[in-house]
């Protein structure tokens, strides 16, 4: 029985011994274990870049902030296919236009122009990657999970994600089309 892909990619052990991964000989100070660590770090960096593709979004009223990028992992294209029973990572990079001691997130499924709340395990933005207080002109990475419960219907809708400041102004508001599927 042949091993898959070995005819295309030599086994990793061969790369480590020959140093061909770096297109030359392995430096004397870099031995097998260190080379393996470097190789794994490179593969992890490349792999995470592939999974974390920015998605195209619609800004739905970000007045107190500016959205720089929205990532939903995994979501290789629109509409994002959200499978029941799976939790999706959401990362929003934004810059603040105001000062705020805290922030609160809300997520909705918009169906026929009606916002239906999606529960978040952690609505506090200060516990979701943002170091509070929030300062004017600073850039932040908001991180959270979007759990898709098994009891949700299979349906196409818009996900609307808001992050409000202390005065209920929107640090960000974005929308993306999704399809919930089994």
N, C-alpha and C. Protein backbone atom coordinates (compact mmCIF):
# COMPACT_ATOMS: atom_id res chain seq x y z
N UNK A 1 0.84 -1.17 0.00
CA UNK A 1 0.00 0.00 0.00
C UNK A 1 0.89 1.23 0.00
N UNK A 2 0.64 2.17 -0.89
CA UNK A 2 1.45 3.39 -0.94
C UNK A 2 0.91 4.42 0.04
N UNK A 3 1.83 5.22 0.56
CA UNK A 3 1.43 6.30 1.46
C UNK A 3 1.02 7.50 0.63
N UNK A 4 -0.09 8.17 1.01
CA UNK A 4 -0.57 9.29 0.21
C UNK A 4 0.42 10.44 0.18
N UNK A 5 0.55 11.06 -0.96
CA UNK A 5 1.33 12.27 -1.21
C UNK A 5 2.84 12.11 -1.07
N UNK A 6 3.36 10.91 -0.72
CA UNK A 6 4.80 10.77 -0.59
C UNK A 6 5.50 10.89 -1.93
N UNK A 7 4.80 10.57 -3.01
CA UNK A 7 5.43 10.71 -4.33
C UNK A 7 5.54 12.19 -4.71
N UNK A 8 4.71 13.06 -4.11
CA UNK A 8 4.78 14.49 -4.39
C UNK A 8 5.65 15.20 -3.36
N UNK A 9 5.40 14.91 -2.08
CA UNK A 9 6.15 15.53 -0.99
C UNK A 9 6.96 14.46 -0.27
N UNK A 10 8.28 14.59 -0.24
CA UNK A 10 9.06 13.62 0.52
C UNK A 10 8.67 13.68 2.00
N UNK A 11 8.83 12.58 2.73
CA UNK A 11 8.48 12.60 4.14
C UNK A 11 9.22 13.72 4.87
N UNK A 12 8.57 14.26 5.92
CA UNK A 12 9.15 15.37 6.69
C UNK A 12 10.53 15.00 7.24
N UNK A 13 10.72 13.74 7.63
CA UNK A 13 12.01 13.32 8.17
C UNK A 13 13.11 13.54 7.13
N UNK A 14 12.81 13.27 5.85
CA UNK A 14 13.78 13.49 4.79
C UNK A 14 14.12 14.97 4.69
N UNK A 15 13.11 15.84 4.77
CA UNK A 15 13.35 17.28 4.71
C UNK A 15 14.25 17.73 5.85
N UNK A 16 13.98 17.17 7.04
CA UNK A 16 14.76 17.58 8.20
C UNK A 16 16.20 17.11 8.08
N UNK A 17 16.41 15.89 7.59
CA UNK A 17 17.76 15.36 7.48
C UNK A 17 18.53 16.03 6.35
N UNK A 18 17.86 16.29 5.23
CA UNK A 18 18.57 16.84 4.09
C UNK A 18 18.66 18.36 4.13
N UNK A 19 17.77 18.98 4.89
CA UNK A 19 17.76 20.45 4.93
C UNK A 19 17.12 21.05 3.70
N UNK A 20 16.49 20.22 2.85
CA UNK A 20 15.95 20.74 1.60
C UNK A 20 14.76 21.66 1.82
N UNK A 21 14.19 21.65 3.01
CA UNK A 21 13.09 22.57 3.29
C UNK A 21 13.55 24.02 3.18
N UNK A 22 14.82 24.25 3.47
CA UNK A 22 15.36 25.61 3.42
C UNK A 22 16.23 25.84 2.20
N UNK A 23 16.10 24.97 1.20
CA UNK A 23 16.79 25.11 -0.07
C UNK A 23 18.31 25.19 0.09
N UNK A 24 18.83 24.38 0.94
CA UNK A 24 20.28 24.36 1.14
C UNK A 24 20.58 23.44 2.30
N UNK A 25 21.81 23.48 2.76
CA UNK A 25 22.18 22.61 3.87
C UNK A 25 21.70 23.19 5.19
N UNK A 26 21.45 22.29 6.14
CA UNK A 26 21.02 22.71 7.48
C UNK A 26 22.22 23.30 8.20
N UNK A 27 22.08 24.50 8.75
CA UNK A 27 23.19 25.06 9.51
C UNK A 27 23.58 24.11 10.65
N UNK A 28 24.86 24.08 10.97
CA UNK A 28 25.36 23.17 11.99
C UNK A 28 24.66 23.37 13.33
N UNK A 29 24.30 24.60 13.67
CA UNK A 29 23.69 24.84 14.98
C UNK A 29 22.21 24.43 15.02
N UNK A 30 21.62 24.12 13.88
CA UNK A 30 20.21 23.77 13.83
C UNK A 30 20.07 22.28 13.59
N UNK A 31 19.73 21.53 14.60
CA UNK A 31 19.61 20.08 14.51
C UNK A 31 18.15 19.68 14.32
N UNK A 32 17.89 18.38 14.25
CA UNK A 32 16.58 17.83 13.95
C UNK A 32 15.43 18.40 14.76
N UNK A 33 15.54 18.43 16.09
CA UNK A 33 14.45 18.92 16.94
C UNK A 33 14.15 20.38 16.70
N UNK A 34 15.22 21.17 16.56
CA UNK A 34 15.02 22.60 16.30
C UNK A 34 14.42 22.82 14.92
N UNK A 35 14.90 22.05 13.95
CA UNK A 35 14.38 22.16 12.59
C UNK A 35 12.90 21.78 12.56
N UNK A 36 12.53 20.73 13.30
CA UNK A 36 11.13 20.32 13.36
C UNK A 36 10.28 21.44 13.94
N UNK A 37 10.76 22.09 14.99
CA UNK A 37 10.02 23.19 15.61
C UNK A 37 9.83 24.34 14.62
N UNK A 38 10.89 24.68 13.88
CA UNK A 38 10.80 25.75 12.89
C UNK A 38 9.81 25.37 11.79
N UNK A 39 9.89 24.12 11.34
CA UNK A 39 8.98 23.64 10.30
C UNK A 39 7.53 23.72 10.76
N UNK A 40 7.26 23.26 11.97
CA UNK A 40 5.90 23.30 12.49
C UNK A 40 5.40 24.73 12.64
N UNK A 41 6.25 25.64 13.07
CA UNK A 41 5.86 27.04 13.19
C UNK A 41 5.52 27.63 11.82
N UNK A 42 6.33 27.30 10.82
CA UNK A 42 6.05 27.79 9.47
C UNK A 42 4.73 27.25 8.94
N UNK A 43 4.49 25.96 9.14
CA UNK A 43 3.24 25.36 8.68
C UNK A 43 2.04 25.95 9.41
N UNK A 44 2.19 26.20 10.71
CA UNK A 44 1.11 26.82 11.49
C UNK A 44 0.82 28.22 10.99
N UNK A 45 1.86 28.99 10.71
CA UNK A 45 1.67 30.36 10.22
C UNK A 45 0.98 30.37 8.86
N UNK A 46 1.41 29.49 7.98
CA UNK A 46 0.79 29.42 6.65
C UNK A 46 -0.64 28.94 6.77
N UNK A 47 -0.88 27.91 7.59
CA UNK A 47 -2.22 27.36 7.76
C UNK A 47 -3.18 28.35 8.37
N UNK A 48 -2.76 29.11 9.37
CA UNK A 48 -3.67 30.07 9.99
C UNK A 48 -3.98 31.21 9.04
N UNK A 49 -3.05 31.56 8.19
CA UNK A 49 -3.32 32.61 7.20
C UNK A 49 -4.35 32.18 6.18
N UNK A 50 -4.35 30.89 5.85
CA UNK A 50 -5.32 30.37 4.89
C UNK A 50 -6.71 30.34 5.51
N UNK A 51 -6.81 29.93 6.77
CA UNK A 51 -8.10 29.82 7.42
C UNK A 51 -8.71 31.16 7.77
N UNK A 52 -7.90 32.15 8.04
CA UNK A 52 -8.38 33.45 8.52
C UNK A 52 -8.51 34.45 7.39
N UNK A 53 -9.25 34.09 6.36
CA UNK A 53 -9.48 35.00 5.25
C UNK A 53 -10.43 36.10 5.68
N UNK A 54 -10.11 37.36 5.40
CA UNK A 54 -11.07 38.42 5.68
C UNK A 54 -12.33 38.23 4.84
N UNK A 55 -13.48 38.52 5.43
CA UNK A 55 -14.73 38.41 4.68
C UNK A 55 -15.20 39.80 4.27
N UNK A 56 -15.92 39.84 3.17
CA UNK A 56 -16.53 41.10 2.74
C UNK A 56 -17.75 41.33 3.61
N UNK A 57 -17.87 42.53 4.15
CA UNK A 57 -18.96 42.83 5.07
C UNK A 57 -19.61 44.14 4.67
N UNK A 58 -20.81 44.35 5.20
CA UNK A 58 -21.52 45.61 5.03
C UNK A 58 -21.48 46.33 6.37
N UNK A 59 -20.98 47.57 6.39
CA UNK A 59 -20.97 48.37 7.62
C UNK A 59 -22.37 48.92 7.83
N UNK A 60 -22.97 48.59 8.98
CA UNK A 60 -24.36 48.97 9.25
C UNK A 60 -24.47 50.08 10.31
N UNK A 61 -23.48 50.96 10.36
CA UNK A 61 -23.62 52.11 11.25
C UNK A 61 -22.52 52.30 12.26
N UNK A 62 -21.29 51.95 11.94
CA UNK A 62 -20.17 52.16 12.86
C UNK A 62 -19.87 53.65 12.95
N UNK A 63 -20.34 54.31 14.01
CA UNK A 63 -20.14 55.76 14.14
C UNK A 63 -19.00 56.10 15.09
N UNK A 64 -18.82 55.29 16.14
CA UNK A 64 -17.79 55.57 17.14
C UNK A 64 -16.51 54.80 16.88
N UNK A 65 -16.44 54.11 15.75
CA UNK A 65 -15.25 53.35 15.38
C UNK A 65 -15.23 53.10 13.89
N UNK A 66 -14.10 52.58 13.41
CA UNK A 66 -13.94 52.22 11.99
C UNK A 66 -13.48 50.77 11.91
N UNK A 67 -14.21 49.96 11.16
CA UNK A 67 -13.85 48.56 10.99
C UNK A 67 -12.71 48.47 9.98
N UNK A 68 -11.64 47.79 10.37
CA UNK A 68 -10.52 47.57 9.46
C UNK A 68 -10.62 46.22 8.77
N UNK A 69 -11.10 45.19 9.52
CA UNK A 69 -11.18 43.85 8.94
C UNK A 69 -12.10 42.98 9.78
N UNK A 70 -12.82 42.09 9.12
CA UNK A 70 -13.66 41.09 9.78
C UNK A 70 -13.22 39.72 9.29
N UNK A 71 -12.93 38.82 10.24
CA UNK A 71 -12.58 37.44 9.92
C UNK A 71 -13.56 36.50 10.61
N UNK A 72 -14.08 35.55 9.87
CA UNK A 72 -14.90 34.49 10.44
C UNK A 72 -14.22 33.19 10.01
N UNK A 73 -13.88 32.36 11.01
CA UNK A 73 -13.13 31.15 10.72
C UNK A 73 -13.96 29.93 11.08
N UNK A 74 -14.15 29.01 10.15
CA UNK A 74 -13.83 29.10 8.74
C UNK A 74 -14.99 29.71 7.94
N UNK A 75 -14.66 30.53 7.00
CA UNK A 75 -15.64 31.10 6.07
C UNK A 75 -14.88 31.47 4.80
N UNK A 76 -14.68 30.49 3.90
CA UNK A 76 -13.89 30.76 2.70
C UNK A 76 -14.59 31.62 1.66
N UNK A 77 -15.90 31.77 1.76
CA UNK A 77 -16.63 32.58 0.78
C UNK A 77 -18.00 32.94 1.30
N UNK A 78 -18.64 33.87 0.60
CA UNK A 78 -19.98 34.30 1.01
C UNK A 78 -21.04 33.65 0.13
N UNK A 79 -22.17 33.26 0.67
CA UNK A 79 -22.48 33.37 2.09
C UNK A 79 -21.67 32.36 2.91
N UNK A 80 -21.37 32.73 4.16
CA UNK A 80 -20.68 31.80 5.06
C UNK A 80 -21.60 30.63 5.34
N UNK A 81 -21.10 29.43 5.15
CA UNK A 81 -21.88 28.23 5.49
C UNK A 81 -21.63 27.92 6.95
N UNK A 82 -22.68 28.04 7.77
CA UNK A 82 -22.59 27.77 9.20
C UNK A 82 -23.29 26.45 9.48
N UNK A 83 -22.51 25.49 9.96
CA UNK A 83 -23.05 24.16 10.22
C UNK A 83 -23.58 24.07 11.65
N UNK A 84 -24.74 23.47 11.78
CA UNK A 84 -25.36 23.31 13.09
C UNK A 84 -24.44 22.51 14.01
N UNK A 85 -24.37 22.95 15.27
CA UNK A 85 -23.55 22.26 16.26
C UNK A 85 -22.09 22.68 16.24
N UNK A 86 -21.74 23.66 15.41
CA UNK A 86 -20.35 24.12 15.29
C UNK A 86 -20.26 25.55 15.81
N UNK A 87 -19.12 25.89 16.40
CA UNK A 87 -18.87 27.25 16.88
C UNK A 87 -17.82 27.89 15.98
N UNK A 88 -18.08 29.10 15.54
CA UNK A 88 -17.20 29.80 14.61
C UNK A 88 -16.46 30.94 15.31
N UNK A 89 -15.20 31.13 14.96
CA UNK A 89 -14.39 32.21 15.53
C UNK A 89 -14.63 33.49 14.75
N UNK A 90 -14.80 34.58 15.48
CA UNK A 90 -15.01 35.89 14.88
C UNK A 90 -13.93 36.81 15.41
N UNK A 91 -13.25 37.51 14.52
CA UNK A 91 -12.21 38.47 14.88
C UNK A 91 -12.46 39.74 14.09
N UNK A 92 -12.70 40.83 14.81
CA UNK A 92 -12.96 42.12 14.18
C UNK A 92 -11.85 43.08 14.61
N UNK A 93 -11.12 43.60 13.64
CA UNK A 93 -10.11 44.61 13.92
C UNK A 93 -10.74 45.96 13.61
N UNK A 94 -10.70 46.86 14.62
CA UNK A 94 -11.32 48.17 14.44
C UNK A 94 -10.51 49.22 15.18
N UNK A 95 -10.70 50.46 14.79
CA UNK A 95 -10.09 51.58 15.52
C UNK A 95 -11.22 52.39 16.14
N UNK A 96 -10.95 52.91 17.33
CA UNK A 96 -11.96 53.67 18.07
C UNK A 96 -11.84 55.15 17.77
N UNK A 97 -12.99 55.82 17.71
CA UNK A 97 -13.03 57.28 17.53
C UNK A 97 -13.41 57.98 18.83
N UNK A 98 -13.58 57.20 19.90
CA UNK A 98 -14.03 57.76 21.18
C UNK A 98 -13.29 57.11 22.35
N UNK A 99 -13.53 57.64 23.55
CA UNK A 99 -13.07 57.04 24.80
C UNK A 99 -14.26 56.30 25.41
N UNK A 100 -14.03 55.11 25.96
CA UNK A 100 -15.10 54.35 26.60
C UNK A 100 -14.50 53.43 27.65
N UNK A 101 -15.16 53.31 28.78
CA UNK A 101 -14.69 52.42 29.84
C UNK A 101 -14.97 50.96 29.52
N UNK A 102 -15.98 50.70 28.70
CA UNK A 102 -16.34 49.33 28.40
C UNK A 102 -17.02 49.20 27.06
N UNK A 103 -17.48 47.98 26.77
CA UNK A 103 -18.18 47.72 25.51
C UNK A 103 -19.05 46.48 25.68
N UNK A 104 -20.10 46.42 24.89
CA UNK A 104 -21.03 45.29 24.96
C UNK A 104 -21.42 44.88 23.55
N UNK A 105 -21.35 43.57 23.30
CA UNK A 105 -21.68 43.03 21.97
C UNK A 105 -23.09 42.47 21.94
N UNK A 106 -23.71 42.61 20.77
CA UNK A 106 -25.00 42.00 20.48
C UNK A 106 -24.94 41.42 19.08
N UNK A 107 -25.55 40.25 18.91
CA UNK A 107 -25.58 39.59 17.61
C UNK A 107 -27.03 39.27 17.27
N UNK A 108 -27.36 39.50 16.01
CA UNK A 108 -28.71 39.25 15.53
C UNK A 108 -28.66 38.45 14.24
N UNK A 109 -29.72 37.69 14.02
CA UNK A 109 -29.98 37.12 12.72
C UNK A 109 -31.08 37.97 12.10
N UNK A 110 -30.80 38.57 10.97
CA UNK A 110 -31.81 39.41 10.32
C UNK A 110 -32.53 38.59 9.26
N UNK A 111 -33.83 38.42 9.48
CA UNK A 111 -34.66 37.68 8.55
C UNK A 111 -35.82 38.58 8.15
N UNK A 112 -35.95 38.86 6.88
CA UNK A 112 -37.01 39.74 6.36
C UNK A 112 -37.05 41.06 7.13
N UNK A 113 -35.88 41.64 7.34
CA UNK A 113 -35.70 42.94 8.00
C UNK A 113 -36.09 42.96 9.47
N UNK A 114 -36.19 41.79 10.08
CA UNK A 114 -36.47 41.68 11.52
C UNK A 114 -35.23 41.11 12.19
N UNK A 115 -34.74 41.82 13.25
CA UNK A 115 -33.56 41.37 14.00
C UNK A 115 -33.98 40.39 15.08
N UNK A 116 -33.45 39.17 15.00
CA UNK A 116 -33.71 38.14 16.00
C UNK A 116 -32.41 37.93 16.77
N UNK A 117 -32.41 38.18 18.11
CA UNK A 117 -31.17 38.08 18.89
C UNK A 117 -30.58 36.67 18.88
N UNK A 118 -29.25 36.58 18.70
CA UNK A 118 -28.49 35.35 18.89
C UNK A 118 -27.79 35.50 20.23
N UNK A 119 -27.90 34.54 21.13
CA UNK A 119 -27.21 34.67 22.42
C UNK A 119 -25.70 34.50 22.27
N UNK A 120 -24.95 35.33 22.99
CA UNK A 120 -23.49 35.23 23.04
C UNK A 120 -23.09 34.72 24.42
N UNK A 121 -22.12 33.81 24.46
CA UNK A 121 -21.62 33.34 25.75
C UNK A 121 -20.95 34.47 26.52
N UNK A 122 -20.26 35.38 25.80
CA UNK A 122 -19.56 36.49 26.44
C UNK A 122 -19.85 37.79 25.70
N UNK A 123 -20.86 38.56 26.15
CA UNK A 123 -21.17 39.83 25.48
C UNK A 123 -20.24 40.98 25.86
N UNK A 124 -19.47 40.84 26.94
CA UNK A 124 -18.57 41.90 27.40
C UNK A 124 -17.35 41.98 26.49
N UNK A 125 -17.23 43.08 25.74
CA UNK A 125 -16.10 43.25 24.83
C UNK A 125 -14.76 43.30 25.55
N UNK A 126 -14.77 43.76 26.82
CA UNK A 126 -13.53 43.84 27.60
C UNK A 126 -13.03 42.46 28.01
N UNK A 127 -13.86 41.44 27.84
CA UNK A 127 -13.46 40.06 28.11
C UNK A 127 -13.34 39.28 26.81
N UNK A 128 -13.30 40.02 25.71
CA UNK A 128 -13.27 39.40 24.38
C UNK A 128 -12.14 39.98 23.53
N UNK A 129 -10.96 40.09 24.13
CA UNK A 129 -9.78 40.53 23.40
C UNK A 129 -9.49 42.01 23.48
N UNK A 130 -10.44 42.83 23.93
CA UNK A 130 -10.23 44.28 24.00
C UNK A 130 -9.72 44.64 25.39
N UNK A 131 -8.60 45.35 25.43
CA UNK A 131 -8.07 45.82 26.71
C UNK A 131 -8.74 47.16 27.02
N UNK A 132 -9.60 47.15 28.02
CA UNK A 132 -10.34 48.36 28.40
C UNK A 132 -9.57 49.13 29.47
N UNK A 133 -9.72 50.45 29.54
CA UNK A 133 -10.64 51.27 28.78
C UNK A 133 -10.21 51.42 27.32
N UNK A 134 -11.19 51.76 26.50
CA UNK A 134 -10.97 51.97 25.07
C UNK A 134 -10.57 53.42 24.85
N UNK A 135 -9.52 53.63 24.06
CA UNK A 135 -8.99 54.98 23.82
C UNK A 135 -9.19 55.41 22.37
N UNK A 136 -9.47 56.68 22.20
CA UNK A 136 -9.62 57.30 20.89
C UNK A 136 -8.34 57.11 20.07
N UNK A 137 -8.48 56.67 18.84
CA UNK A 137 -7.34 56.52 17.94
C UNK A 137 -6.59 55.21 18.07
N UNK A 138 -6.95 54.36 19.01
CA UNK A 138 -6.27 53.07 19.17
C UNK A 138 -6.98 51.99 18.36
N UNK A 139 -6.22 50.98 17.97
CA UNK A 139 -6.75 49.85 17.21
C UNK A 139 -6.90 48.65 18.13
N UNK A 140 -8.00 47.92 17.97
CA UNK A 140 -8.32 46.79 18.83
C UNK A 140 -8.72 45.59 18.00
N UNK A 141 -8.52 44.40 18.60
CA UNK A 141 -8.96 43.14 18.01
C UNK A 141 -10.00 42.54 18.94
N UNK A 142 -11.22 42.50 18.46
CA UNK A 142 -12.33 41.91 19.20
C UNK A 142 -12.43 40.45 18.78
N UNK A 143 -12.44 39.53 19.75
CA UNK A 143 -12.47 38.09 19.47
C UNK A 143 -13.66 37.47 20.18
N UNK A 144 -14.42 36.66 19.48
CA UNK A 144 -15.54 35.98 20.11
C UNK A 144 -15.88 34.74 19.30
N UNK A 145 -16.86 34.01 19.78
CA UNK A 145 -17.34 32.79 19.12
C UNK A 145 -18.80 32.98 18.74
N UNK A 146 -19.16 32.41 17.61
CA UNK A 146 -20.55 32.38 17.18
C UNK A 146 -20.99 30.92 17.17
N UNK A 147 -21.67 30.49 18.25
CA UNK A 147 -22.14 29.11 18.27
C UNK A 147 -23.41 28.96 17.44
N UNK A 148 -23.45 27.94 16.61
CA UNK A 148 -24.63 27.66 15.79
C UNK A 148 -25.29 26.43 16.40
N UNK A 149 -26.39 26.66 17.08
CA UNK A 149 -27.05 25.58 17.82
C UNK A 149 -27.75 24.61 16.87
N UNK A 150 -27.83 23.36 17.30
CA UNK A 150 -28.45 22.31 16.48
C UNK A 150 -29.91 22.58 16.21
N UNK A 151 -30.58 23.29 17.12
CA UNK A 151 -32.01 23.54 16.95
C UNK A 151 -32.32 24.70 16.00
N UNK A 152 -31.29 25.43 15.55
CA UNK A 152 -31.54 26.51 14.59
C UNK A 152 -32.06 25.93 13.28
N UNK A 153 -32.98 26.62 12.62
CA UNK A 153 -33.47 26.12 11.33
C UNK A 153 -32.42 26.29 10.23
N UNK A 154 -32.50 25.45 9.23
CA UNK A 154 -31.65 25.61 8.04
C UNK A 154 -32.25 26.75 7.23
N UNK A 155 -31.50 27.86 7.13
CA UNK A 155 -32.06 29.07 6.55
C UNK A 155 -30.95 30.00 6.09
N UNK A 156 -31.26 30.84 5.11
CA UNK A 156 -30.35 31.91 4.70
C UNK A 156 -30.77 33.17 5.45
N UNK A 157 -29.80 33.92 5.96
CA UNK A 157 -30.08 35.13 6.70
C UNK A 157 -28.85 36.02 6.73
N UNK A 158 -28.99 37.19 7.33
CA UNK A 158 -27.86 38.08 7.55
C UNK A 158 -27.50 38.03 9.03
N UNK A 159 -26.21 37.88 9.32
CA UNK A 159 -25.73 38.02 10.69
C UNK A 159 -25.33 39.47 10.87
N UNK A 160 -25.85 40.07 11.93
CA UNK A 160 -25.56 41.47 12.26
C UNK A 160 -24.88 41.48 13.62
N UNK A 161 -23.66 42.06 13.68
CA UNK A 161 -22.86 42.05 14.91
C UNK A 161 -22.56 43.49 15.29
N UNK A 162 -22.95 43.86 16.51
CA UNK A 162 -22.75 45.21 17.02
C UNK A 162 -21.86 45.19 18.26
N UNK A 163 -21.04 46.21 18.40
CA UNK A 163 -20.29 46.44 19.64
C UNK A 163 -20.54 47.88 20.05
N UNK A 164 -21.21 48.04 21.21
CA UNK A 164 -21.59 49.36 21.69
C UNK A 164 -20.62 49.85 22.76
N UNK A 165 -20.47 51.18 22.83
CA UNK A 165 -19.64 51.80 23.87
C UNK A 165 -20.52 52.13 25.08
N UNK A 166 -19.94 52.86 26.06
CA UNK A 166 -20.66 53.22 27.29
C UNK A 166 -21.92 54.05 27.03
N UNK A 167 -21.93 54.83 25.98
CA UNK A 167 -23.05 55.72 25.66
C UNK A 167 -24.00 55.11 24.64
N UNK A 168 -23.90 53.80 24.42
CA UNK A 168 -24.72 53.05 23.47
C UNK A 168 -24.44 53.42 22.01
N UNK A 169 -23.33 54.13 21.76
CA UNK A 169 -22.91 54.39 20.39
C UNK A 169 -22.24 53.14 19.83
N UNK A 170 -22.23 53.00 18.51
CA UNK A 170 -21.68 51.80 17.89
C UNK A 170 -20.20 51.96 17.57
N UNK A 171 -19.36 51.19 18.28
CA UNK A 171 -17.95 51.10 17.92
C UNK A 171 -17.83 50.40 16.58
N UNK A 172 -18.65 49.36 16.38
CA UNK A 172 -18.78 48.77 15.06
C UNK A 172 -20.13 48.10 14.92
N UNK A 173 -20.54 48.01 13.68
CA UNK A 173 -21.74 47.26 13.29
C UNK A 173 -21.46 46.73 11.89
N UNK A 174 -21.51 45.43 11.71
CA UNK A 174 -21.29 44.83 10.40
C UNK A 174 -22.29 43.71 10.17
N UNK A 175 -22.48 43.43 8.90
CA UNK A 175 -23.39 42.36 8.49
C UNK A 175 -22.75 41.51 7.40
N UNK A 176 -23.01 40.20 7.46
CA UNK A 176 -22.59 39.29 6.39
C UNK A 176 -23.71 38.29 6.12
N UNK A 177 -23.86 37.88 4.87
CA UNK A 177 -24.85 36.83 4.57
C UNK A 177 -24.32 35.47 4.99
N UNK A 178 -25.20 34.67 5.58
CA UNK A 178 -24.83 33.31 5.99
C UNK A 178 -25.93 32.35 5.58
N UNK A 179 -25.57 31.08 5.59
CA UNK A 179 -26.55 30.02 5.38
C UNK A 179 -26.32 28.98 6.46
N UNK A 180 -27.33 28.77 7.30
CA UNK A 180 -27.24 27.74 8.33
C UNK A 180 -27.64 26.42 7.68
N UNK A 181 -26.80 25.41 7.89
CA UNK A 181 -27.02 24.12 7.25
C UNK A 181 -26.69 23.00 8.22
N UNK A 182 -27.19 21.79 7.92
CA UNK A 182 -26.93 20.62 8.77
C UNK A 182 -25.50 20.15 8.63
